[in-house]
Amino acid sequence: MARIGVTGHMNITEDTVLLVYNAISKVLAEDENPAELVGVSCIARGADSVFAQAVLDVNGRLEVVLPSRNYRERKVKPDHAALFDNLLGRADTVRVMDFDDAGREAYEAANEAMLSSCDRLIAVWDGGAGEKGGTGTVVELARARGVPVDVLWPEGAARKQD
């Protein structure tokens, strides 16, 4: 049974969602038995949720890792809430990190829990340096541990400008 985790940008554009979904689906299709696949995701907006949907669409199992007990209430924006709730409801397993409040420590713990339970990582990443604890940090950590990393940034993909 393959266990694949995800890390990636939260701020991908609407047009990029389909590009990323297709790229992830192609990687997942390489598995000999996609129904035996377990996808591990924090189901945040952007790459994490796109990955989770792709895992479910190949009849894989979804394992969700939430950074804190209040993550849904404090961090999930109204325009992402319906998708978040749908994915959470379809998860086979939900693990909640032992933090009351979402924050850097909680996110790092969630990234660690995701990464330590996977044998492969998909990174939806444009390769740019970002904040500590972000996508680049997770990719570095995976590589340092010898976890194979598939970096996906399809032609035409873009991030929303803040």
C-alpha atoms as a PDB file:
ATOM      1  CA  MET A   1       0.000   0.000   0.000  1.00  0.00           C
ATOM      2  CA  ALA A   2       1.491   3.322  -1.099  1.00  0.00           C
ATOM      3  CA  ARG A   3       1.317   6.252   1.318  1.00  0.00           C
ATOM      4  CA  ILE A   4       1.723   9.578  -0.430  1.00  0.00           C
ATOM      5  CA  GLY A   5       1.755  12.932   1.318  1.00  0.00           C
ATOM      6  CA  VAL A   6       1.375  16.412  -0.088  1.00  0.00           C
ATOM      7  CA  THR A   7       2.805  19.837   0.456  1.00  0.00           C
ATOM      8  CA  GLY A   8       2.181  22.833  -1.714  1.00  0.00           C
ATOM      9  CA  HIS A   9       1.092  26.368  -2.263  1.00  0.00           C
ATOM     10  CA  MET A  10      -2.217  27.483  -0.836  1.00  0.00           C
ATOM     11  CA  ASN A  11      -2.517  30.482  -3.134  1.00  0.00           C
ATOM     12  CA  ILE A  12      -2.753  28.837  -6.545  1.00  0.00           C
ATOM     13  CA  THR A  13      -5.010  30.587  -9.056  1.00  0.00           C
ATOM     14  CA  GLU A  14      -8.357  29.159 -10.129  1.00  0.00           C
ATOM     15  CA  ASP A  15      -6.927  28.315 -13.572  1.00  0.00           C
ATOM     16  CA  THR A  16      -4.039  26.486 -11.887  1.00  0.00           C
ATOM     17  CA  VAL A  17      -6.342  24.187  -9.912  1.00  0.00           C
ATOM     18  CA  LEU A  18      -7.184  22.039 -12.962  1.00  0.00           C
ATOM     19  CA  LEU A  19      -3.543  21.991 -14.120  1.00  0.00           C
ATOM     20  CA  VAL A  20      -2.417  20.803 -10.687  1.00  0.00           C
ATOM     21  CA  TYR A  21      -5.271  18.282 -10.415  1.00  0.00           C
ATOM     22  CA  ASN A  22      -4.273  16.756 -13.769  1.00  0.00           C
ATOM     23  CA  ALA A  23      -0.575  16.615 -12.806  1.00  0.00           C
ATOM     24  CA  ILE A  24      -1.379  14.965  -9.466  1.00  0.00           C
ATOM     25  CA  SER A  25      -3.766  12.515 -11.122  1.00  0.00           C
ATOM     26  CA  LYS A  26      -1.006  11.493 -13.535  1.00  0.00           C
ATOM     27  CA  VAL A  27       1.361  10.744 -10.631  1.00  0.00           C
ATOM     28  CA  LEU A  28      -1.332   8.809  -8.754  1.00  0.00           C
ATOM     29  CA  ALA A  29      -2.119   6.766 -11.879  1.00  0.00           C
ATOM     30  CA  GLU A  30       1.454   5.424 -11.800  1.00  0.00           C
ATOM     31  CA  ASP A  31       0.538   3.382  -8.724  1.00  0.00           C
ATOM     32  CA  GLU A  32      -0.194  -0.246  -9.597  1.00  0.00           C
ATOM     33  CA  ASN A  33      -3.326  -0.296  -7.464  1.00  0.00           C
ATOM     34  CA  PRO A  34      -4.693   3.206  -6.847  1.00  0.00           C
ATOM     35  CA  ALA A  35      -7.479   1.797  -4.662  1.00  0.00           C
ATOM     36  CA  GLU A  36      -4.776   0.742  -2.176  1.00  0.00           C
ATOM     37  CA  LEU A  37      -3.345   4.253  -2.111  1.00  0.00           C
ATOM     38  CA  VAL A  38      -3.467   6.329   1.072  1.00  0.00           C
ATOM     39  CA  GLY A  39      -3.160  10.077   0.558  1.00  0.00           C
ATOM     40  CA  VAL A  40      -2.109  12.131   3.583  1.00  0.00           C
ATOM     41  CA  SER A  41      -3.119  15.785   3.542  1.00  0.00           C
ATOM     42  CA  CYS A  42      -3.866  18.707   5.831  1.00  0.00           C
ATOM     43  CA  ILE A  43      -6.620  19.668   3.309  1.00  0.00           C
ATOM     44  CA  ALA A  44      -5.690  23.342   3.412  1.00  0.00           C
ATOM     45  CA  ARG A  45      -6.819  25.552   0.567  1.00  0.00           C
ATOM     46  CA  GLY A  46      -4.942  25.023  -2.694  1.00  0.00           C
ATOM     47  CA  ALA A  47      -2.575  22.125  -3.325  1.00  0.00           C
ATOM     48  CA  ASP A  48      -3.565  20.083  -0.247  1.00  0.00           C
ATOM     49  CA  SER A  49      -7.262  20.042  -1.150  1.00  0.00           C
ATOM     50  CA  VAL A  50      -6.637  19.437  -4.855  1.00  0.00           C
ATOM     51  CA  PHE A  51      -4.466  16.451  -3.905  1.00  0.00           C
ATOM     52  CA  ALA A  52      -7.104  15.119  -1.489  1.00  0.00           C
ATOM     53  CA  GLN A  53      -9.784  15.300  -4.182  1.00  0.00           C
ATOM     54  CA  ALA A  54      -7.536  13.516  -6.694  1.00  0.00           C
ATOM     55  CA  VAL A  55      -6.851  10.720  -4.169  1.00  0.00           C
ATOM     56  CA  LEU A  56     -10.566  10.229  -3.563  1.00  0.00           C
ATOM     57  CA  ASP A  57     -11.284  10.319  -7.311  1.00  0.00           C
ATOM     58  CA  VAL A  58      -9.010   7.285  -7.893  1.00  0.00           C
ATOM     59  CA  ASN A  59     -10.789   5.521  -5.012  1.00  0.00           C
ATOM     60  CA  GLY A  60      -7.815   5.945  -2.729  1.00  0.00           C
ATOM     61  CA  ARG A  61      -8.180   6.500   0.985  1.00  0.00           C
ATOM     62  CA  LEU A  62      -7.736   9.930   2.524  1.00  0.00           C
ATOM     63  CA  GLU A  63      -5.972  10.503   5.819  1.00  0.00           C
ATOM     64  CA  VAL A  64      -6.301  14.052   7.145  1.00  0.00           C
ATOM     65  CA  VAL A  65      -3.860  15.688   9.542  1.00  0.00           C
ATOM     66  CA  LEU A  66      -5.199  18.833  11.220  1.00  0.00           C
ATOM     67  CA  PRO A  67      -2.700  21.189  12.870  1.00  0.00           C
ATOM     68  CA  SER A  68      -4.915  22.091  15.838  1.00  0.00           C
ATOM     69  CA  ARG A  69      -8.258  21.548  17.486  1.00  0.00           C
ATOM     70  CA  ASN A  70      -9.480  24.982  16.361  1.00  0.00           C
ATOM     71  CA  TYR A  71      -8.106  24.808  12.810  1.00  0.00           C
ATOM     72  CA  ARG A  72     -11.532  24.643  11.137  1.00  0.00           C
ATOM     73  CA  GLU A  73     -12.968  27.536  13.146  1.00  0.00           C
ATOM     74  CA  ARG A  74      -9.915  29.811  13.027  1.00  0.00           C
ATOM     75  CA  LYS A  75      -8.215  29.173   9.696  1.00  0.00           C
ATOM     76  CA  VAL A  76     -10.682  27.819   7.142  1.00  0.00           C
ATOM     77  CA  LYS A  77     -12.109  30.778   5.207  1.00  0.00           C
ATOM     78  CA  PRO A  78     -15.791  30.797   4.198  1.00  0.00           C
ATOM     79  CA  ASP A  79     -14.980  30.282   0.502  1.00  0.00           C
ATOM     80  CA  HIS A  80     -13.051  27.077   1.319  1.00  0.00           C
ATOM     81  CA  ALA A  81     -15.318  25.754   4.094  1.00  0.00           C
ATOM     82  CA  ALA A  82     -17.653  23.620   1.953  1.00  0.00           C
ATOM     83  CA  LEU A  83     -14.777  21.814   0.214  1.00  0.00           C
ATOM     84  CA  PHE A  84     -12.894  21.424   3.515  1.00  0.00           C
ATOM     85  CA  ASP A  85     -15.955  19.948   5.216  1.00  0.00           C
ATOM     86  CA  ASN A  86     -16.638  17.613   2.293  1.00  0.00           C
ATOM     87  CA  LEU A  87     -13.069  16.300   2.262  1.00  0.00           C
ATOM     88  CA  LEU A  88     -12.995  15.965   6.050  1.00  0.00           C
ATOM     89  CA  GLY A  89     -16.255  14.001   5.960  1.00  0.00           C
ATOM     90  CA  ARG A  90     -14.860  11.618   3.323  1.00  0.00           C
ATOM     91  CA  ALA A  91     -11.592  10.951   5.168  1.00  0.00           C
ATOM     92  CA  ASP A  92     -10.949   7.452   6.472  1.00  0.00           C
ATOM     93  CA  THR A  93      -8.791   8.800   9.277  1.00  0.00           C
ATOM     94  CA  VAL A  94      -8.466  12.222  10.898  1.00  0.00           C
ATOM     95  CA  ARG A  95      -5.532  13.014  13.159  1.00  0.00           C
ATOM     96  CA  VAL A  96      -5.524  16.256  15.126  1.00  0.00           C
ATOM     97  CA  MET A  97      -2.241  17.557  16.465  1.00  0.00           C
ATOM     98  CA  ASP A  98      -2.152  18.244  20.197  1.00  0.00           C
ATOM     99  CA  PHE A  99      -2.523  22.014  19.910  1.00  0.00           C
ATOM    100  CA  ASP A 100      -5.499  24.149  20.866  1.00  0.00           C
ATOM    101  CA  ASP A 101      -4.542  26.937  18.457  1.00  0.00           C
ATOM    102  CA  ALA A 102      -3.279  26.927  14.889  1.00  0.00           C
ATOM    103  CA  GLY A 103       0.146  28.531  14.525  1.00  0.00           C
ATOM    104  CA  ARG A 104       3.727  27.846  13.448  1.00  0.00           C
ATOM    105  CA  GLU A 105       4.317  25.051  15.989  1.00  0.00           C
ATOM    106  CA  ALA A 106       1.043  23.350  15.091  1.00  0.00           C
ATOM    107  CA  TYR A 107       1.765  23.586  11.347  1.00  0.00           C
ATOM    108  CA  GLU A 108       5.259  22.189  11.805  1.00  0.00           C
ATOM    109  CA  ALA A 109       3.843  19.303  13.873  1.00  0.00           C
ATOM    110  CA  ALA A 110       1.252  18.572  11.171  1.00  0.00           C
ATOM    111  CA  ASN A 111       3.933  18.651   8.466  1.00  0.00           C
ATOM    112  CA  GLU A 112       6.072  16.295  10.549  1.00  0.00           C
ATOM    113  CA  ALA A 113       3.155  13.894  11.131  1.00  0.00           C
ATOM    114  CA  MET A 114       2.317  13.892   7.429  1.00  0.00           C
ATOM    115  CA  LEU A 115       5.897  13.443   6.280  1.00  0.00           C
ATOM    116  CA  SER A 116       6.839  10.774   8.822  1.00  0.00           C
ATOM    117  CA  SER A 117       3.883   8.626   7.762  1.00  0.00           C
ATOM    118  CA  CYS A 118       4.564   8.709   4.000  1.00  0.00           C
ATOM    119  CA  ASP A 119       6.840   6.858   1.658  1.00  0.00           C
ATOM    120  CA  ARG A 120       6.529   9.472  -1.103  1.00  0.00           C
ATOM    121  CA  LEU A 121       5.764  13.198  -1.261  1.00  0.00           C
ATOM    122  CA  ILE A 122       4.062  15.271  -3.919  1.00  0.00           C
ATOM    123  CA  ALA A 123       5.107  18.921  -3.765  1.00  0.00           C
ATOM    124  CA  VAL A 124       3.050  21.451  -5.699  1.00  0.00           C
ATOM    125  CA  TRP A 125       5.804  24.019  -5.720  1.00  0.00           C
ATOM    126  CA  ASP A 126       7.142  26.704  -7.999  1.00  0.00           C
ATOM    127  CA  GLY A 127      10.606  26.218  -6.510  1.00  0.00           C
ATOM    128  CA  GLY A 128      10.760  29.633  -4.885  1.00  0.00           C
ATOM    129  CA  ALA A 129      12.050  30.212  -1.399  1.00  0.00           C
ATOM    130  CA  GLY A 130       9.275  30.960   1.014  1.00  0.00           C
ATOM    131  CA  GLU A 131       8.724  31.265   4.713  1.00  0.00           C
ATOM    132  CA  LYS A 132      10.309  28.846   7.146  1.00  0.00           C
ATOM    133  CA  GLY A 133       8.062  25.844   7.561  1.00  0.00           C
ATOM    134  CA  GLY A 134       6.536  26.310   4.106  1.00  0.00           C
ATOM    135  CA  THR A 135       6.583  24.075   1.049  1.00  0.00           C
ATOM    136  CA  GLY A 136      10.314  24.483   0.409  1.00  0.00           C
ATOM    137  CA  THR A 137      11.134  23.495   3.986  1.00  0.00           C
ATOM    138  CA  VAL A 138       9.007  20.345   3.753  1.00  0.00           C
ATOM    139  CA  VAL A 139      10.660  19.406   0.444  1.00  0.00           C
ATOM    140  CA  GLU A 140      14.129  19.892   1.972  1.00  0.00           C
ATOM    141  CA  LEU A 141      13.199  17.774   4.974  1.00  0.00           C
ATOM    142  CA  ALA A 142      11.782  14.983   2.791  1.00  0.00           C
ATOM    143  CA  ARG A 143      14.883  14.912   0.623  1.00  0.00           C
ATOM    144  CA  ALA A 144      17.150  14.876   3.692  1.00  0.00           C
ATOM    145  CA  ARG A 145      15.244  11.815   4.940  1.00  0.00           C
ATOM    146  CA  GLY A 146      15.448  10.044   1.596  1.00  0.00           C
ATOM    147  CA  VAL A 147      11.703  10.334   0.891  1.00  0.00           C
ATOM    148  CA  PRO A 148      11.157  10.511  -2.883  1.00  0.00           C
ATOM    149  CA  VAL A 149       9.681  13.866  -3.904  1.00  0.00           C
ATOM    150  CA  ASP A 150       7.678  14.590  -7.051  1.00  0.00           C
ATOM    151  CA  VAL A 151       7.785  18.367  -7.605  1.00  0.00           C
ATOM    152  CA  LEU A 152       4.845  19.448  -9.730  1.00  0.00           C
ATOM    153  CA  TRP A 153       4.471  22.906 -11.224  1.00  0.00           C
ATOM    154  CA  PRO A 154       2.679  22.476 -14.547  1.00  0.00           C
ATOM    155  CA  GLU A 155       3.268  24.759 -17.518  1.00  0.00           C
ATOM    156  CA  GLY A 156       0.993  27.782 -17.086  1.00  0.00           C
ATOM    157  CA  ALA A 157       0.585  27.355 -13.308  1.00  0.00           C
ATOM    158  CA  ALA A 158       0.527  30.536 -11.241  1.00  0.00           C
ATOM    159  CA  ARG A 159       0.068  31.777  -7.722  1.00  0.00           C
ATOM    160  CA  LYS A 160      -2.293  34.586  -6.732  1.00  0.00           C
ATOM    161  CA  GLN A 161      -0.510  37.826  -6.024  1.00  0.00           C
ATOM    162  CA  ASP A 162      -1.185  39.191  -2.552  1.00  0.00           C
END
